[in-house]
Amino acid sequence: DGKELSKDSPIKEVLPKGDMVYPVSQHIGAPAKPVVAVGDTVLKGQMIAEAGGFVSSPIYSSVSGKVKAIEKRRVAVGDMVDSIVIENDGMFTETTYNIVEDVTALSKEEIIEKVKNAGVVGMGGAGFPANVKLSPKNEDAIDYIIVNGAECEPYLTSDYRRMMEEPDKLILGLEICINLFDHAKGIIAIEDNKPEAIELLRDKVKDNDKIEVHVMKTKYPQGAERQLIYANTGRYVNSKMLPADAGCIVHNVDTIVSIYEAVIEGRPLYTRIVTITGDAIENPCNLMVRTGTNCQELIEAAGGFKDGVVPEKVISGGPMMGMAISTIDVPVT
């Protein structure tokens, strides 16, 4: 499954150097609408585009600097997308956030609003706005919040590193989601090729009567929503149903951590973990990167391509669900 290349490489933060490019479509639904103009000075963590509809999500700057252009730029899928280009000043001057000391003092509506305002979307690849998932038609029908820790996509190890390095954020984020529903329980579902993560998280939740760690067989596509729900609850989700119709809400590991950061730390979504791996790369690794960073910089941070090696193909998103990209001059989204 190729995971041995990068699974033991701890997350390393990479600070971007060049211009930052923020496409206004980084999520399922309506594109975000820019709220800045060329020439504006922005701070790290400042909203630069607001949600364009109910199923939409705001976009935040991951650096401080000046808005250089609002123009079409190429993204990983090959499309030219309206984008906000920010000249990174290298200072990373940050806006202030509202930190929450006591999450129990917040109403369900306030929590969902915080998730929405922070621009949290599905980080497993789908990009579906998390606040919409957390607002099903029938709240009383939700029995399970399932954390997709399967990471069944070969080669990718970003979720595994997140589980190993920040298990407390994952558990607290899951508790926030569980408490939105009156009788929901939490399941952290992990494939059996990650025994260290299973052991660590089982130890962390051993006294928690609302969360269980479930071990699944390592097989593809175990992490697909319908397969994940069936493997963990025995419930079928047919093609006309949503997971909520089977009493389940599924969130990826990174999405749950982003929900924790949004609600507790007041921090909007502008970072993600990316695995840079494959036999053409010098140092396969897991990088904490800021959205808008040029993918060329990530390859440089992984030591570049091996001497004399020209990769046959560069894939964004993993070998099964990802797509070959024609250029690495595209931003992280």
Protein backbone atom coordinates (compact mmCIF):
# COMPACT_ATOMS: atom_id res chain seq x y z
CA ASP A 1 0.00 0.00 0.00
CA GLY A 2 3.03 2.33 -0.17
CA LYS A 3 2.45 3.78 3.30
CA GLU A 4 5.82 2.65 4.67
CA LEU A 5 7.50 5.46 2.70
CA SER A 6 6.02 8.25 4.84
CA LYS A 7 4.07 6.82 7.78
CA ASP A 8 6.87 7.32 10.32
CA SER A 9 7.68 10.84 9.15
CA PRO A 10 6.35 13.35 11.76
CA ILE A 11 4.35 16.34 10.53
CA LYS A 12 6.65 19.21 9.59
CA GLU A 13 5.40 22.78 9.08
CA VAL A 14 6.33 24.50 5.83
CA LEU A 15 6.15 28.29 5.58
CA PRO A 16 5.33 29.51 2.07
CA LYS A 17 7.70 31.85 0.24
CA GLY A 18 6.03 32.97 -2.99
CA ASP A 19 2.67 34.48 -3.94
CA MET A 20 -0.41 32.75 -2.54
CA VAL A 21 -3.34 31.74 -4.76
CA TYR A 22 -6.80 31.18 -3.26
CA PRO A 23 -9.39 29.78 -5.71
CA VAL A 24 -12.94 30.81 -4.72
CA SER A 25 -14.17 27.25 -5.44
CA GLN A 26 -12.44 24.95 -2.94
CA HIS A 27 -15.61 23.17 -1.85
CA ILE A 28 -18.79 21.55 -3.14
CA GLY A 29 -21.48 24.18 -3.77
CA ALA A 30 -21.57 27.82 -4.80
CA PRO A 31 -18.22 29.62 -5.25
CA ALA A 32 -17.25 32.01 -2.47
CA LYS A 33 -17.55 35.76 -3.22
CA PRO A 34 -14.41 37.91 -2.76
CA VAL A 35 -14.73 40.53 0.02
CA VAL A 36 -11.32 42.11 -0.68
CA ALA A 37 -10.09 44.25 -3.57
CA VAL A 38 -6.73 44.59 -5.33
CA GLY A 39 -4.41 46.66 -3.17
CA ASP A 40 -6.01 45.67 0.15
CA THR A 41 -3.74 44.61 3.00
CA VAL A 42 -4.84 41.37 4.67
CA LEU A 43 -3.89 39.48 7.83
CA LYS A 44 -3.38 35.76 8.33
CA GLY A 45 -6.75 34.29 9.33
CA GLN A 46 -8.75 37.10 7.69
CA MET A 47 -11.77 36.23 5.54
CA ILE A 48 -11.07 37.09 1.90
CA ALA A 49 -14.20 35.55 0.33
CA GLU A 50 -17.61 34.88 1.90
CA ALA A 51 -19.90 31.90 1.34
CA GLY A 52 -21.94 32.29 -1.84
CA GLY A 53 -24.99 30.31 -0.71
CA PHE A 54 -26.30 27.75 1.81
CA VAL A 55 -24.02 25.03 0.42
CA SER A 56 -20.85 27.09 0.15
CA SER A 57 -17.92 28.06 2.34
CA PRO A 58 -15.85 31.17 3.10
CA ILE A 59 -12.14 31.35 2.23
CA TYR A 60 -9.45 32.73 4.55
CA SER A 61 -5.97 34.06 3.91
CA SER A 62 -3.20 31.87 5.34
CA VAL A 63 -0.61 34.70 5.23
CA SER A 64 -0.42 38.43 5.72
CA GLY A 65 0.27 40.61 2.71
CA LYS A 66 -1.34 42.55 -0.10
CA VAL A 67 -4.00 41.51 -2.60
CA LYS A 68 -2.13 41.50 -5.90
CA ALA A 69 -4.84 40.33 -8.30
CA ILE A 70 -8.25 38.70 -8.59
CA GLU A 71 -8.01 36.61 -11.75
CA LYS A 72 -8.39 33.13 -13.17
CA ARG A 73 -5.67 30.66 -12.13
CA ARG A 74 -5.23 26.97 -12.88
CA VAL A 75 -6.07 24.46 -10.12
CA ALA A 76 -5.14 20.80 -9.68
CA VAL A 77 -8.20 19.49 -11.58
CA GLY A 78 -7.06 21.49 -14.62
CA ASP A 79 -9.76 24.17 -14.59
CA MET A 80 -9.09 27.90 -14.64
CA VAL A 81 -10.86 29.23 -11.53
CA ASP A 82 -11.43 32.76 -10.24
CA SER A 83 -8.76 33.23 -7.59
CA ILE A 84 -7.50 35.82 -5.13
CA VAL A 85 -3.73 36.28 -5.43
CA ILE A 86 -1.94 37.61 -2.34
CA GLU A 87 1.64 38.84 -2.23
CA ASN A 88 3.01 37.12 0.88
CA ASP A 89 4.91 39.63 3.05
CA GLY A 90 6.62 36.80 4.99
CA MET A 91 5.53 38.33 8.33
CA PHE A 92 2.50 36.07 8.97
CA THR A 93 0.82 38.80 11.03
CA GLU A 94 -2.31 37.21 12.45
CA THR A 95 -5.78 38.49 13.21
CA THR A 96 -7.25 37.80 16.67
CA TYR A 97 -9.58 34.89 17.42
CA ASN A 98 -12.28 34.28 20.01
CA ILE A 99 -11.03 31.40 22.15
CA VAL A 100 -13.74 29.41 23.96
CA GLU A 101 -12.87 28.28 27.50
CA ASP A 102 -16.12 26.41 28.14
CA VAL A 103 -17.71 24.73 25.13
CA THR A 104 -20.74 23.67 27.22
CA ALA A 105 -21.73 27.34 27.43
CA LEU A 106 -22.36 27.39 23.65
CA SER A 107 -25.70 26.44 22.14
CA LYS A 108 -25.89 23.92 19.28
CA GLU A 109 -26.67 26.78 16.89
CA GLU A 110 -23.61 28.73 18.05
CA ILE A 111 -21.34 25.72 17.52
CA ILE A 112 -22.66 25.08 14.00
CA GLU A 113 -22.31 28.80 13.21
CA LYS A 114 -18.67 28.71 14.34
CA VAL A 115 -17.98 25.69 12.09
CA LYS A 116 -19.70 27.47 9.19
CA ASN A 117 -17.93 30.80 9.71
CA ALA A 118 -14.54 29.08 9.97
CA GLY A 119 -14.94 27.63 6.48
CA VAL A 120 -14.61 24.01 7.59
CA VAL A 121 -15.24 21.60 4.72
CA GLY A 122 -14.67 17.87 4.26
CA MET A 123 -10.87 17.42 4.23
CA GLY A 124 -10.93 13.88 2.85
CA GLY A 125 -11.28 15.19 -0.69
CA ALA A 126 -15.00 15.91 -1.08
CA GLY A 127 -14.93 19.45 0.29
CA PHE A 128 -18.54 19.33 1.53
CA PRO A 129 -19.30 22.15 4.02
CA ALA A 130 -19.17 20.56 7.51
CA ASN A 131 -21.91 22.77 8.98
CA VAL A 132 -24.42 21.43 6.42
CA LYS A 133 -23.58 17.82 7.40
CA LEU A 134 -24.04 18.73 11.06
CA SER A 135 -27.54 20.14 10.33
CA PRO A 136 -29.55 17.10 9.16
CA LYS A 137 -33.31 17.32 8.64
CA ASN A 138 -34.00 15.01 11.56
CA GLU A 139 -31.53 15.54 14.40
CA ASP A 140 -33.19 12.90 16.55
CA ALA A 141 -32.44 10.20 13.97
CA ILE A 142 -28.65 10.57 14.33
CA ASP A 143 -27.17 7.65 16.30
CA TYR A 144 -23.53 7.72 15.22
CA ILE A 145 -20.84 10.24 14.39
CA ILE A 146 -18.21 8.18 12.58
CA VAL A 147 -14.65 9.47 12.24
CA ASN A 148 -13.19 8.12 9.02
CA GLY A 149 -9.70 7.11 10.13
CA ALA A 150 -9.52 4.34 7.52
CA GLU A 151 -7.23 6.26 5.18
CA CYS A 152 -7.67 3.40 2.71
CA GLU A 153 -6.09 5.40 -0.14
CA PRO A 154 -2.65 3.88 -0.81
CA TYR A 155 0.47 5.95 -0.01
CA LEU A 156 -1.34 8.69 1.95
CA THR A 157 -0.39 8.97 5.65
CA SER A 158 -1.57 12.47 6.64
CA ASP A 159 -4.58 11.25 8.67
CA TYR A 160 -2.43 8.60 10.36
CA ARG A 161 0.08 11.25 11.48
CA ARG A 162 -2.75 13.48 12.69
CA MET A 163 -4.14 10.62 14.81
CA MET A 164 -0.69 9.84 16.23
CA GLU A 165 0.35 13.43 16.94
CA GLU A 166 -2.90 15.19 17.90
CA PRO A 167 -5.24 12.53 19.33
CA ASP A 168 -6.65 14.89 21.97
CA LYS A 169 -7.82 17.42 19.38
CA LEU A 170 -9.45 14.58 17.44
CA ILE A 171 -11.31 13.27 20.51
CA LEU A 172 -12.41 16.75 21.65
CA GLY A 173 -13.58 17.58 18.11
CA LEU A 174 -15.59 14.35 18.02
CA GLU A 175 -17.13 15.14 21.43
CA ILE A 176 -18.22 18.55 20.11
CA CYS A 177 -20.04 16.80 17.22
CA ILE A 178 -21.57 14.09 19.46
CA ASN A 179 -22.99 16.71 21.83
CA LEU A 180 -24.93 18.36 18.99
CA PHE A 181 -27.25 15.33 19.06
CA ASP A 182 -29.24 14.02 21.99
CA HIS A 183 -28.39 10.32 21.75
CA ALA A 184 -25.43 10.04 19.38
CA LYS A 185 -22.31 8.00 20.04
CA GLY A 186 -18.90 8.35 18.43
CA ILE A 187 -16.97 5.74 16.45
CA ILE A 188 -13.35 6.23 15.41
CA ALA A 189 -12.97 3.73 12.54
CA ILE A 190 -9.41 2.69 11.69
CA GLU A 191 -8.02 0.03 9.34
CA ASP A 192 -5.96 -2.72 10.94
CA ASN A 193 -2.77 -1.64 9.16
CA LYS A 194 -2.47 1.20 11.73
CA PRO A 195 -2.03 -0.74 15.01
CA GLU A 196 -0.18 2.12 16.76
CA ALA A 197 -3.05 4.57 16.11
CA ILE A 198 -5.62 1.99 17.26
CA GLU A 199 -3.73 1.37 20.51
CA LEU A 200 -3.15 5.08 21.20
CA LEU A 201 -6.78 6.11 20.61
CA ARG A 202 -8.20 3.11 22.49
CA ASP A 203 -6.12 4.12 25.48
CA LYS A 204 -7.33 7.73 25.19
CA VAL A 205 -11.04 6.79 25.15
CA LYS A 206 -11.00 3.83 27.56
CA ASP A 207 -12.98 5.80 30.16
CA ASN A 208 -15.24 7.54 27.63
CA ASP A 209 -18.63 5.86 27.42
CA LYS A 210 -19.61 7.80 24.29
CA ILE A 211 -16.68 6.92 22.00
CA GLU A 212 -15.42 3.57 20.69
CA VAL A 213 -12.49 2.75 18.43
CA HIS A 214 -13.50 0.19 15.77
CA VAL A 215 -10.91 -1.84 13.87
CA MET A 216 -11.66 -2.60 10.22
CA LYS A 217 -10.03 -4.88 7.67
CA THR A 218 -7.51 -3.15 5.44
CA LYS A 219 -9.22 -3.17 2.06
CA TYR A 220 -10.19 -0.67 -0.59
CA PRO A 221 -12.55 1.26 -0.55
CA GLN A 222 -13.11 0.77 3.19
CA GLY A 223 -13.07 4.54 3.76
CA ALA A 224 -15.88 5.29 1.28
CA GLU A 225 -18.89 6.61 3.21
CA ARG A 226 -21.32 3.80 2.42
CA GLN A 227 -18.77 1.04 2.98
CA LEU A 228 -17.60 2.67 6.22
CA ILE A 229 -21.15 2.90 7.59
CA TYR A 230 -21.89 -0.74 6.71
CA ALA A 231 -18.61 -2.00 8.20
CA ASN A 232 -19.23 -0.18 11.48
CA THR A 233 -23.01 -0.33 11.97
CA GLY A 234 -24.31 -3.01 9.59
CA ARG A 235 -26.60 -0.40 8.06
CA TYR A 236 -27.02 -0.16 4.29
CA VAL A 237 -27.03 3.22 2.57
CA ASN A 238 -28.43 2.82 -0.92
CA SER A 239 -27.80 5.23 -3.81
CA LYS A 240 -30.89 7.32 -3.02
CA MET A 241 -29.99 7.76 0.67
CA LEU A 242 -27.71 10.10 2.54
CA PRO A 243 -25.69 8.82 5.53
CA ALA A 244 -28.08 10.81 7.79
CA ASP A 245 -30.95 8.67 6.49
CA ALA A 246 -29.16 5.71 8.11
CA GLY A 247 -28.65 7.67 11.33
CA CYS A 248 -24.98 8.42 10.65
CA ILE A 249 -22.75 11.41 10.01
CA VAL A 250 -19.25 10.70 8.70
CA HIS A 251 -16.32 13.09 8.99
CA ASN A 252 -12.70 12.64 8.00
CA VAL A 253 -10.00 12.85 10.74
CA ASP A 254 -8.71 16.22 9.53
CA THR A 255 -12.25 17.64 9.33
CA ILE A 256 -12.89 16.71 12.98
CA VAL A 257 -9.64 18.39 14.07
CA SER A 258 -10.63 21.47 12.02
CA ILE A 259 -14.00 21.52 13.85
CA TYR A 260 -12.13 21.49 17.18
CA GLU A 261 -9.89 24.39 16.03
CA ALA A 262 -12.90 26.35 14.76
CA VAL A 263 -15.02 25.95 17.90
CA ILE A 264 -12.41 26.01 20.69
CA GLU A 265 -9.56 28.04 19.21
CA GLY A 266 -11.76 30.25 17.00
CA ARG A 267 -9.34 29.57 14.15
CA PRO A 268 -10.61 29.40 10.58
CA LEU A 269 -9.50 26.69 8.17
CA TYR A 270 -6.34 27.69 6.31
CA THR A 271 -3.98 24.74 6.88
CA ARG A 272 -3.96 21.09 5.94
CA ILE A 273 -1.58 18.14 6.10
CA VAL A 274 -0.28 16.88 2.77
CA THR A 275 1.67 13.66 2.18
CA ILE A 276 4.39 14.12 -0.45
CA THR A 277 5.46 10.63 -1.41
CA GLY A 278 6.37 8.15 -4.11
CA ASP A 279 9.57 6.57 -5.37
CA ALA A 280 10.53 9.69 -7.36
CA ILE A 281 10.73 11.97 -4.32
CA GLU A 282 13.90 12.38 -2.26
CA ASN A 283 12.37 12.51 1.25
CA PRO A 284 8.76 11.26 1.45
CA CYS A 285 7.07 13.21 4.26
CA ASN A 286 3.94 14.71 5.79
CA LEU A 287 3.80 18.49 5.65
CA MET A 288 1.58 20.99 7.49
CA VAL A 289 0.93 23.50 4.73
CA ARG A 290 -1.11 26.63 4.26
CA THR A 291 -3.81 26.80 1.64
CA GLY A 292 -2.73 28.90 -1.32
CA THR A 293 0.86 27.57 -1.26
CA ASN A 294 2.30 26.58 -4.64
CA CYS A 295 2.72 22.79 -4.97
CA GLN A 296 6.23 23.32 -6.38
CA GLU A 297 7.25 24.55 -2.90
CA LEU A 298 5.97 21.34 -1.31
CA ILE A 299 8.08 19.20 -3.62
CA GLU A 300 11.10 21.35 -2.76
CA ALA A 301 10.34 20.89 0.96
CA ALA A 302 10.41 17.10 0.40
CA GLY A 303 13.92 17.37 -1.06
CA GLY A 304 12.78 17.60 -4.67
CA PHE A 305 12.81 14.77 -7.20
CA LYS A 306 15.65 12.25 -6.93
CA ASP A 307 18.70 12.94 -9.08
CA GLY A 308 18.05 11.98 -12.66
CA VAL A 309 14.46 10.93 -11.93
CA VAL A 310 11.68 12.46 -13.98
CA PRO A 311 8.39 11.23 -12.49
CA GLU A 312 6.16 9.37 -14.90
CA LYS A 313 3.16 11.12 -13.39
CA VAL A 314 2.40 13.52 -10.53
CA ILE A 315 -0.93 12.77 -8.87
CA SER A 316 -2.95 15.10 -6.69
CA GLY A 317 -5.01 13.12 -4.18
CA GLY A 318 -3.62 9.58 -4.14
CA PRO A 319 -3.40 6.83 -6.81
CA MET A 320 -7.02 5.60 -6.56
CA MET A 321 -9.11 8.76 -6.21
CA GLY A 322 -6.56 11.36 -7.25
CA MET A 323 -5.90 12.74 -10.70
CA ALA A 324 -2.78 13.29 -12.72
CA ILE A 325 -1.84 16.94 -12.89
CA SER A 326 -0.34 18.57 -15.95
CA THR A 327 1.64 21.13 -13.94
CA ILE A 328 2.84 21.48 -10.35
CA ASP A 329 2.28 25.23 -10.64
CA VAL A 330 -1.06 24.91 -8.80
CA PRO A 331 -2.11 25.95 -5.28
CA VAL A 332 -2.89 23.76 -2.27
CA THR A 333 -6.67 23.93 -1.63
